[in-house]
Amino acid sequence: AEVDKELALKYFVQASNGDDEGPHQASLYNAGRLLLELNDAASSLAYIRACATVEKNYPAYETPAQTKTCKEAYELLSNQIMTKTTPG
């Protein structure tokens, strides 16, 4: 199970880099999701943010539905991290 996640994470990280032209948006999201499952919230947030902002630098690689999902996930995860790390 955890070994499978680690292997899948390596695949998604490699795929998220895309080719010379731009990133693979769904792989950015999947890498972020797996990193969160592996308890690496900071790295997870970075990948999900990259997914949410693909449209800015690589509009040809962006799909509106994926961008919407990534933006929602980024906002939710950001709020959860802030809640867990903010004293009081």
Protein backbone atom coordinates (compact mmCIF):
# COMPACT_ATOMS: atom_id res chain seq x y z
CA ALA A 1 0.00 0.00 0.00
CA GLU A 2 2.57 2.63 1.08
CA VAL A 3 5.10 1.23 -1.41
CA ASP A 4 2.47 1.52 -4.13
CA LYS A 5 1.86 5.15 -3.14
CA GLU A 6 5.58 5.91 -3.28
CA LEU A 7 5.85 4.35 -6.73
CA ALA A 8 2.75 6.16 -7.96
CA LEU A 9 4.11 9.41 -6.56
CA LYS A 10 7.35 9.00 -8.51
CA TYR A 11 5.33 8.43 -11.68
CA PHE A 12 3.10 11.47 -11.13
CA VAL A 13 6.03 13.75 -10.24
CA GLN A 14 7.85 12.69 -13.39
CA ALA A 15 4.71 13.05 -15.52
CA SER A 16 3.87 16.42 -13.98
CA ASN A 17 7.04 17.90 -15.45
CA GLY A 18 5.55 17.28 -18.87
CA ASP A 19 7.69 17.75 -21.91
CA ASP A 20 9.70 20.73 -23.13
CA GLU A 21 6.52 22.71 -23.69
CA GLY A 22 4.64 22.45 -20.41
CA PRO A 23 3.39 20.46 -17.43
CA HIS A 24 0.74 17.75 -17.20
CA GLN A 25 -2.00 19.29 -15.07
CA ALA A 26 -3.70 16.10 -13.83
CA SER A 27 -0.34 14.67 -12.74
CA LEU A 28 0.36 17.81 -10.71
CA TYR A 29 -2.93 17.27 -8.89
CA ASN A 30 -2.34 13.56 -8.36
CA ALA A 31 1.18 14.17 -7.03
CA GLY A 32 -0.25 16.70 -4.59
CA ARG A 33 -2.97 14.31 -3.48
CA LEU A 34 -0.50 11.49 -2.87
CA LEU A 35 1.91 13.75 -1.01
CA LEU A 36 -0.90 14.68 1.34
CA GLU A 37 -1.72 11.00 1.90
CA LEU A 38 1.97 10.51 2.72
CA ASN A 39 1.77 13.35 5.28
CA ASP A 40 3.78 15.94 3.35
CA ALA A 41 1.31 18.82 3.40
CA ALA A 42 3.80 21.50 2.34
CA SER A 43 4.87 19.66 -0.82
CA SER A 44 1.27 18.71 -1.47
CA LEU A 45 0.25 22.36 -1.37
CA ALA A 46 3.02 23.27 -3.81
CA TYR A 47 1.90 20.70 -6.40
CA ILE A 48 -1.76 21.58 -6.06
CA ARG A 49 -0.92 25.28 -6.39
CA ALA A 50 1.06 24.51 -9.54
CA CYS A 51 -1.95 22.63 -10.88
CA ALA A 52 -4.27 25.54 -10.05
CA THR A 53 -2.04 28.03 -11.88
CA VAL A 54 -1.18 26.07 -15.05
CA GLU A 55 -3.46 28.41 -17.00
CA LYS A 56 -1.20 31.39 -16.25
CA ASN A 57 2.02 30.06 -17.76
CA TYR A 58 0.84 27.18 -19.94
CA PRO A 59 -2.72 27.91 -21.09
CA ALA A 60 -2.55 25.25 -23.81
CA TYR A 61 -2.06 22.59 -21.09
CA GLU A 62 -4.95 23.75 -18.91
CA THR A 63 -8.43 22.27 -18.74
CA PRO A 64 -11.09 24.40 -17.01
CA ALA A 65 -12.55 21.50 -15.00
CA GLN A 66 -9.11 20.46 -13.71
CA THR A 67 -8.24 24.06 -12.86
CA LYS A 68 -11.49 24.40 -10.90
CA THR A 69 -10.78 21.19 -8.98
CA CYS A 70 -7.21 22.29 -8.21
CA LYS A 71 -8.27 25.76 -7.06
CA GLU A 72 -10.88 24.26 -4.75
CA ALA A 73 -8.37 21.74 -3.38
CA TYR A 74 -5.76 24.48 -2.89
CA GLU A 75 -8.18 26.66 -0.95
CA LEU A 76 -9.37 23.76 1.21
CA LEU A 77 -5.85 22.52 1.97
CA SER A 78 -4.58 26.05 2.67
CA ASN A 79 -7.40 26.59 5.15
CA GLN A 80 -6.76 23.25 6.85
CA ILE A 81 -3.05 23.97 7.19
CA MET A 82 -3.75 27.45 8.53
CA THR A 83 -6.24 26.09 11.07
CA LYS A 84 -3.81 23.42 12.30
CA THR A 85 -0.82 25.77 12.54
CA THR A 86 -2.48 28.92 13.90
CA PRO A 87 -2.32 29.15 17.69
CA GLY A 88 -5.54 29.67 19.61
